[in-house]
Amino acid sequence: MTSTSFRGIWQVVILVLLSSLVAGCGINNIPRYDEQVKSAWSQVENQYQRRADLIPNLVETVKGFARQEQETLTAVVEARARATSIQVSVDDLDDPAKMQAFEQAQAQLTGALSRLMAVSERYPDLKSNQNFLALQSQLEGTENRIAVARRDYIGAVQQYNTEIRTFPGRIWHSLMYSDMPIRENFEATTENAEQAPQVQFE
């Protein structure tokens, strides 16, 4: 074996060792966590879309039993239109105004759906309708999925932000990933959400 080929082998070995050391010290964590944030956001959007897709069938079912509740039905349809008109792509995750508009539209839709569910209490035939019960169950399941997707997104953002703000991620962020900003997270979507609701019995 010549000294040139021997030196070439050592260079490859040193390169592999250096690559392993660099990879093991967290240099790839920031982009990996950023991708997890984007993936988690996609799940949030997916669950909100699932809810939006259920609403037309739910509204039509209620309409068949409670035509006089037109104001509530219209409010649900309008809230759905507003909620689906605001699209937040992964590029918009760093725009607090866009995120707030999205959250407000979703909160309005949640409120409108709550009023629609309350309407059903006044119509025994509707409450016992199999189609309505199935849609109601799917909607409840979707609300749970939304909560889980939001929790996962919050966790992904926390992990990403923590990596950027702590050692050694802070170093890698300043050297290589300075274009990747701290991400905003969900806030309470309703006013005074921290206060316990008032329950009154008539």
C-alpha atoms as a PDB file:
ATOM      1  CA  MET A   1       0.000   0.000   0.000  1.00  0.00           C
ATOM      2  CA  THR A   2       1.443   3.344  -1.002  1.00  0.00           C
ATOM      3  CA  SER A   3       1.655   6.293   1.353  1.00  0.00           C
ATOM      4  CA  THR A   4      -0.804   8.230  -0.867  1.00  0.00           C
ATOM      5  CA  SER A   5      -3.501   5.568  -0.647  1.00  0.00           C
ATOM      6  CA  PHE A   6      -2.800   5.137   3.075  1.00  0.00           C
ATOM      7  CA  ARG A   7      -3.253   8.896   3.560  1.00  0.00           C
ATOM      8  CA  GLY A   8      -6.485   8.779   1.530  1.00  0.00           C
ATOM      9  CA  ILE A   9      -7.885   6.039   3.771  1.00  0.00           C
ATOM     10  CA  TRP A  10      -6.995   8.041   6.874  1.00  0.00           C
ATOM     11  CA  GLN A  11      -8.668  11.127   5.426  1.00  0.00           C
ATOM     12  CA  VAL A  12     -11.860   9.144   4.834  1.00  0.00           C
ATOM     13  CA  VAL A  13     -11.714   7.706   8.369  1.00  0.00           C
ATOM     14  CA  ILE A  14     -11.161  11.167   9.865  1.00  0.00           C
ATOM     15  CA  LEU A  15     -13.984  12.611   7.763  1.00  0.00           C
ATOM     16  CA  VAL A  16     -16.373   9.849   8.915  1.00  0.00           C
ATOM     17  CA  LEU A  17     -15.372  10.388  12.556  1.00  0.00           C
ATOM     18  CA  LEU A  18     -15.806  14.159  12.293  1.00  0.00           C
ATOM     19  CA  SER A  19     -19.189  13.725  10.615  1.00  0.00           C
ATOM     20  CA  SER A  20     -20.283  11.402  13.421  1.00  0.00           C
ATOM     21  CA  LEU A  21     -19.123  13.851  16.071  1.00  0.00           C
ATOM     22  CA  VAL A  22     -20.857  16.797  14.425  1.00  0.00           C
ATOM     23  CA  ALA A  23     -24.078  14.816  13.867  1.00  0.00           C
ATOM     24  CA  GLY A  24     -23.999  13.621  17.465  1.00  0.00           C
ATOM     25  CA  CYS A  25     -23.677  17.105  18.920  1.00  0.00           C
ATOM     26  CA  GLY A  26     -27.089  18.316  17.797  1.00  0.00           C
ATOM     27  CA  ILE A  27     -26.266  20.209  14.632  1.00  0.00           C
ATOM     28  CA  ASN A  28     -29.297  18.656  12.904  1.00  0.00           C
ATOM     29  CA  ASN A  29     -31.747  19.112  15.777  1.00  0.00           C
ATOM     30  CA  ILE A  30     -33.021  22.544  14.734  1.00  0.00           C
ATOM     31  CA  PRO A  31     -34.084  21.586  11.187  1.00  0.00           C
ATOM     32  CA  ARG A  32     -35.461  18.256  12.476  1.00  0.00           C
ATOM     33  CA  TYR A  33     -37.546  20.009  15.144  1.00  0.00           C
ATOM     34  CA  ASP A  34     -38.653  22.612  12.597  1.00  0.00           C
ATOM     35  CA  GLU A  35     -39.981  19.811  10.389  1.00  0.00           C
ATOM     36  CA  GLN A  36     -41.792  18.330  13.395  1.00  0.00           C
ATOM     37  CA  VAL A  37     -43.474  21.708  13.990  1.00  0.00           C
ATOM     38  CA  LYS A  38     -44.603  21.833  10.358  1.00  0.00           C
ATOM     39  CA  SER A  39     -45.862  18.261  10.496  1.00  0.00           C
ATOM     40  CA  ALA A  40     -47.741  18.923  13.735  1.00  0.00           C
ATOM     41  CA  TRP A  41     -49.320  22.031  12.197  1.00  0.00           C
ATOM     42  CA  SER A  42     -50.483  19.967   9.228  1.00  0.00           C
ATOM     43  CA  GLN A  43     -52.295  17.682  11.676  1.00  0.00           C
ATOM     44  CA  VAL A  44     -53.988  20.683  13.306  1.00  0.00           C
ATOM     45  CA  GLU A  45     -55.190  21.861   9.900  1.00  0.00           C
ATOM     46  CA  ASN A  46     -56.242  18.332   8.986  1.00  0.00           C
ATOM     47  CA  GLN A  47     -58.499  18.062  12.048  1.00  0.00           C
ATOM     48  CA  TYR A  48     -60.000  21.519  11.532  1.00  0.00           C
ATOM     49  CA  GLN A  49     -60.736  20.542   7.928  1.00  0.00           C
ATOM     50  CA  ARG A  50     -62.372  17.319   9.130  1.00  0.00           C
ATOM     51  CA  ARG A  51     -64.640  19.396  11.364  1.00  0.00           C
ATOM     52  CA  ALA A  52     -65.446  21.795   8.525  1.00  0.00           C
ATOM     53  CA  ASP A  53     -66.365  18.846   6.297  1.00  0.00           C
ATOM     54  CA  LEU A  54     -68.827  17.485   8.878  1.00  0.00           C
ATOM     55  CA  ILE A  55     -70.689  20.760   9.335  1.00  0.00           C
ATOM     56  CA  PRO A  56     -72.747  20.876   6.096  1.00  0.00           C
ATOM     57  CA  ASN A  57     -74.257  17.455   6.822  1.00  0.00           C
ATOM     58  CA  LEU A  58     -74.939  18.417  10.418  1.00  0.00           C
ATOM     59  CA  VAL A  59     -76.609  21.680   9.378  1.00  0.00           C
ATOM     60  CA  GLU A  60     -78.785  19.893   6.811  1.00  0.00           C
ATOM     61  CA  THR A  61     -79.866  17.312   9.375  1.00  0.00           C
ATOM     62  CA  VAL A  62     -80.807  19.972  11.936  1.00  0.00           C
ATOM     63  CA  LYS A  63     -82.542  22.031   9.229  1.00  0.00           C
ATOM     64  CA  GLY A  64     -84.883  19.120   8.519  1.00  0.00           C
ATOM     65  CA  PHE A  65     -86.110  19.146  12.125  1.00  0.00           C
ATOM     66  CA  ALA A  66     -85.731  22.772  13.175  1.00  0.00           C
ATOM     67  CA  ARG A  67     -86.378  25.113  10.280  1.00  0.00           C
ATOM     68  CA  GLN A  68     -87.360  27.929  12.637  1.00  0.00           C
ATOM     69  CA  GLU A  69     -83.781  27.987  13.966  1.00  0.00           C
ATOM     70  CA  GLN A  70     -82.599  29.717  10.785  1.00  0.00           C
ATOM     71  CA  GLU A  71     -80.534  32.314  12.648  1.00  0.00           C
ATOM     72  CA  THR A  72     -78.469  29.654  14.408  1.00  0.00           C
ATOM     73  CA  LEU A  73     -78.052  27.628  11.233  1.00  0.00           C
ATOM     74  CA  THR A  74     -76.954  30.719   9.306  1.00  0.00           C
ATOM     75  CA  ALA A  75     -74.453  31.608  12.041  1.00  0.00           C
ATOM     76  CA  VAL A  76     -72.886  28.132  11.778  1.00  0.00           C
ATOM     77  CA  VAL A  77     -72.656  28.288   7.988  1.00  0.00           C
ATOM     78  CA  GLU A  78     -71.121  31.783   8.098  1.00  0.00           C
ATOM     79  CA  ALA A  79     -68.655  30.822  10.832  1.00  0.00           C
ATOM     80  CA  ARG A  80     -67.616  27.775   8.803  1.00  0.00           C
ATOM     81  CA  ALA A  81     -67.084  29.981   5.725  1.00  0.00           C
ATOM     82  CA  ARG A  82     -64.889  32.388   7.726  1.00  0.00           C
ATOM     83  CA  ALA A  83     -62.916  29.551   9.319  1.00  0.00           C
ATOM     84  CA  THR A  84     -62.211  27.812   6.024  1.00  0.00           C
ATOM     85  CA  SER A  85     -61.335  31.076   4.239  1.00  0.00           C
ATOM     86  CA  ILE A  86     -58.340  31.687   6.517  1.00  0.00           C
ATOM     87  CA  GLN A  87     -55.554  29.357   5.487  1.00  0.00           C
ATOM     88  CA  VAL A  88     -52.335  29.260   7.480  1.00  0.00           C
ATOM     89  CA  SER A  89     -49.504  27.550   5.650  1.00  0.00           C
ATOM     90  CA  VAL A  90     -46.277  26.485   7.336  1.00  0.00           C
ATOM     91  CA  ASP A  91     -44.741  29.704   5.985  1.00  0.00           C
ATOM     92  CA  ASP A  92     -47.325  31.703   7.982  1.00  0.00           C
ATOM     93  CA  LEU A  93     -46.540  30.062  11.322  1.00  0.00           C
ATOM     94  CA  ASP A  94     -44.231  32.964  12.175  1.00  0.00           C
ATOM     95  CA  ASP A  95     -46.922  35.586  11.488  1.00  0.00           C
ATOM     96  CA  PRO A  96     -48.692  36.300  14.822  1.00  0.00           C
ATOM     97  CA  ALA A  97     -51.469  38.341  13.154  1.00  0.00           C
ATOM     98  CA  LYS A  98     -52.340  35.545  10.737  1.00  0.00           C
ATOM     99  CA  MET A  99     -52.235  32.934  13.507  1.00  0.00           C
ATOM    100  CA  GLN A 100     -54.493  35.082  15.694  1.00  0.00           C
ATOM    101  CA  ALA A 101     -56.994  35.563  12.855  1.00  0.00           C
ATOM    102  CA  PHE A 102     -57.007  31.799  12.260  1.00  0.00           C
ATOM    103  CA  GLU A 103     -57.531  31.037  15.956  1.00  0.00           C
ATOM    104  CA  GLN A 104     -60.340  33.604  16.249  1.00  0.00           C
ATOM    105  CA  ALA A 105     -62.156  32.199  13.225  1.00  0.00           C
ATOM    106  CA  GLN A 106     -61.897  28.674  14.631  1.00  0.00           C
ATOM    107  CA  ALA A 107     -63.112  29.886  18.044  1.00  0.00           C
ATOM    108  CA  GLN A 108     -66.130  31.553  16.413  1.00  0.00           C
ATOM    109  CA  LEU A 109     -66.931  28.308  14.643  1.00  0.00           C
ATOM    110  CA  THR A 110     -66.642  26.399  17.920  1.00  0.00           C
ATOM    111  CA  GLY A 111     -69.071  28.862  19.533  1.00  0.00           C
ATOM    112  CA  ALA A 112     -71.548  28.590  16.669  1.00  0.00           C
ATOM    113  CA  LEU A 113     -71.412  24.795  16.840  1.00  0.00           C
ATOM    114  CA  SER A 114     -72.054  24.924  20.591  1.00  0.00           C
ATOM    115  CA  ARG A 115     -75.181  26.987  19.974  1.00  0.00           C
ATOM    116  CA  LEU A 116     -76.276  24.507  17.310  1.00  0.00           C
ATOM    117  CA  MET A 117     -75.854  21.609  19.737  1.00  0.00           C
ATOM    118  CA  ALA A 118     -77.898  23.544  22.326  1.00  0.00           C
ATOM    119  CA  VAL A 119     -80.698  23.952  19.765  1.00  0.00           C
ATOM    120  CA  SER A 120     -80.912  20.185  19.453  1.00  0.00           C
ATOM    121  CA  GLU A 121     -81.994  19.980  23.099  1.00  0.00           C
ATOM    122  CA  ARG A 122     -85.313  21.607  22.151  1.00  0.00           C
ATOM    123  CA  TYR A 123     -86.147  18.960  19.545  1.00  0.00           C
ATOM    124  CA  PRO A 124     -86.598  15.433  20.928  1.00  0.00           C
ATOM    125  CA  ASP A 125     -87.064  13.977  17.439  1.00  0.00           C
ATOM    126  CA  LEU A 126     -83.769  15.487  16.341  1.00  0.00           C
ATOM    127  CA  LYS A 127     -81.959  14.248  19.460  1.00  0.00           C
ATOM    128  CA  SER A 128     -83.059  10.687  18.674  1.00  0.00           C
ATOM    129  CA  ASN A 129     -82.354  10.846  14.915  1.00  0.00           C
ATOM    130  CA  GLN A 130     -79.663   8.276  14.040  1.00  0.00           C
ATOM    131  CA  ASN A 131     -78.055  10.492  11.407  1.00  0.00           C
ATOM    132  CA  PHE A 132     -77.841  13.398  13.851  1.00  0.00           C
ATOM    133  CA  LEU A 133     -76.454  11.153  16.596  1.00  0.00           C
ATOM    134  CA  ALA A 134     -73.798   9.779  14.237  1.00  0.00           C
ATOM    135  CA  LEU A 135     -72.790  13.276  13.100  1.00  0.00           C
ATOM    136  CA  GLN A 136     -72.771  14.534  16.683  1.00  0.00           C
ATOM    137  CA  SER A 137     -70.516  11.638  17.698  1.00  0.00           C
ATOM    138  CA  GLN A 138     -68.156  12.301  14.778  1.00  0.00           C
ATOM    139  CA  LEU A 139     -68.045  15.990  15.670  1.00  0.00           C
ATOM    140  CA  GLU A 140     -67.246  15.225  19.312  1.00  0.00           C
ATOM    141  CA  GLY A 141     -64.493  12.858  18.179  1.00  0.00           C
ATOM    142  CA  THR A 142     -63.119  15.531  15.878  1.00  0.00           C
ATOM    143  CA  GLU A 143     -63.099  18.101  18.679  1.00  0.00           C
ATOM    144  CA  ASN A 144     -61.026  15.644  20.716  1.00  0.00           C
ATOM    145  CA  ARG A 145     -58.674  15.128  17.757  1.00  0.00           C
ATOM    146  CA  ILE A 146     -58.313  18.900  17.402  1.00  0.00           C
ATOM    147  CA  ALA A 147     -57.341  19.134  21.070  1.00  0.00           C
ATOM    148  CA  VAL A 148     -54.748  16.361  20.633  1.00  0.00           C
ATOM    149  CA  ALA A 149     -53.370  17.897  17.421  1.00  0.00           C
ATOM    150  CA  ARG A 150     -53.069  21.304  19.094  1.00  0.00           C
ATOM    151  CA  ARG A 151     -51.338  19.717  22.106  1.00  0.00           C
ATOM    152  CA  ASP A 152     -48.856  17.968  19.792  1.00  0.00           C
ATOM    153  CA  TYR A 153     -48.223  21.214  17.912  1.00  0.00           C
ATOM    154  CA  ILE A 154     -47.637  23.077  21.177  1.00  0.00           C
ATOM    155  CA  GLY A 155     -45.160  20.374  22.225  1.00  0.00           C
ATOM    156  CA  ALA A 156     -43.327  20.512  18.889  1.00  0.00           C
ATOM    157  CA  VAL A 157     -43.035  24.313  19.068  1.00  0.00           C
ATOM    158  CA  GLN A 158     -41.812  24.089  22.659  1.00  0.00           C
ATOM    159  CA  GLN A 159     -39.118  21.574  21.693  1.00  0.00           C
ATOM    160  CA  TYR A 160     -38.023  23.690  18.706  1.00  0.00           C
ATOM    161  CA  ASN A 161     -37.931  26.957  20.701  1.00  0.00           C
ATOM    162  CA  THR A 162     -36.089  25.293  23.590  1.00  0.00           C
ATOM    163  CA  GLU A 163     -33.453  23.930  21.207  1.00  0.00           C
ATOM    164  CA  ILE A 164     -32.830  27.399  19.774  1.00  0.00           C
ATOM    165  CA  ARG A 165     -32.584  29.025  23.196  1.00  0.00           C
ATOM    166  CA  THR A 166     -30.365  26.474  24.966  1.00  0.00           C
ATOM    167  CA  PHE A 167     -26.832  25.132  24.550  1.00  0.00           C
ATOM    168  CA  PRO A 168     -25.618  23.763  22.125  1.00  0.00           C
ATOM    169  CA  GLY A 169     -28.606  24.570  19.892  1.00  0.00           C
ATOM    170  CA  ARG A 170     -28.156  28.275  20.503  1.00  0.00           C
ATOM    171  CA  ILE A 171     -24.673  28.065  18.978  1.00  0.00           C
ATOM    172  CA  TRP A 172     -25.852  26.092  15.930  1.00  0.00           C
ATOM    173  CA  HIS A 173     -28.730  28.532  15.511  1.00  0.00           C
ATOM    174  CA  SER A 174     -26.433  31.555  15.466  1.00  0.00           C
ATOM    175  CA  LEU A 175     -23.886  29.879  13.165  1.00  0.00           C
ATOM    176  CA  MET A 176     -26.062  27.997  10.691  1.00  0.00           C
ATOM    177  CA  TYR A 177     -29.809  28.522  11.215  1.00  0.00           C
ATOM    178  CA  SER A 178     -30.208  32.206  12.054  1.00  0.00           C
ATOM    179  CA  ASP A 179     -32.926  32.481   9.392  1.00  0.00           C
ATOM    180  CA  MET A 180     -35.152  30.140  11.454  1.00  0.00           C
ATOM    181  CA  PRO A 181     -37.001  32.306  14.020  1.00  0.00           C
ATOM    182  CA  ILE A 182     -38.577  31.504  17.376  1.00  0.00           C
ATOM    183  CA  ARG A 183     -42.124  30.242  16.723  1.00  0.00           C
ATOM    184  CA  GLU A 184     -45.333  31.567  18.238  1.00  0.00           C
ATOM    185  CA  ASN A 185     -47.601  29.071  19.964  1.00  0.00           C
ATOM    186  CA  PHE A 186     -51.343  28.803  20.535  1.00  0.00           C
ATOM    187  CA  GLU A 187     -52.940  31.128  23.025  1.00  0.00           C
ATOM    188  CA  ALA A 188     -56.298  30.649  24.717  1.00  0.00           C
ATOM    189  CA  THR A 189     -58.816  30.934  21.888  1.00  0.00           C
ATOM    190  CA  THR A 190     -61.624  32.471  23.908  1.00  0.00           C
ATOM    191  CA  GLU A 191     -61.627  35.568  26.080  1.00  0.00           C
ATOM    192  CA  ASN A 192     -61.358  34.904  29.803  1.00  0.00           C
ATOM    193  CA  ALA A 193     -60.640  31.216  29.156  1.00  0.00           C
ATOM    194  CA  GLU A 194     -58.737  31.111  32.434  1.00  0.00           C
ATOM    195  CA  GLN A 195     -61.922  31.858  34.417  1.00  0.00           C
ATOM    196  CA  ALA A 196     -64.247  29.095  35.530  1.00  0.00           C
ATOM    197  CA  PRO A 197     -67.623  29.189  33.760  1.00  0.00           C
ATOM    198  CA  GLN A 198     -70.657  30.363  35.710  1.00  0.00           C
ATOM    199  CA  VAL A 199     -73.280  27.639  35.988  1.00  0.00           C
ATOM    200  CA  GLN A 200     -76.818  28.721  36.790  1.00  0.00           C
ATOM    201  CA  PHE A 201     -79.847  26.502  37.234  1.00  0.00           C
ATOM    202  CA  GLU A 202     -83.241  28.002  36.589  1.00  0.00           C
END
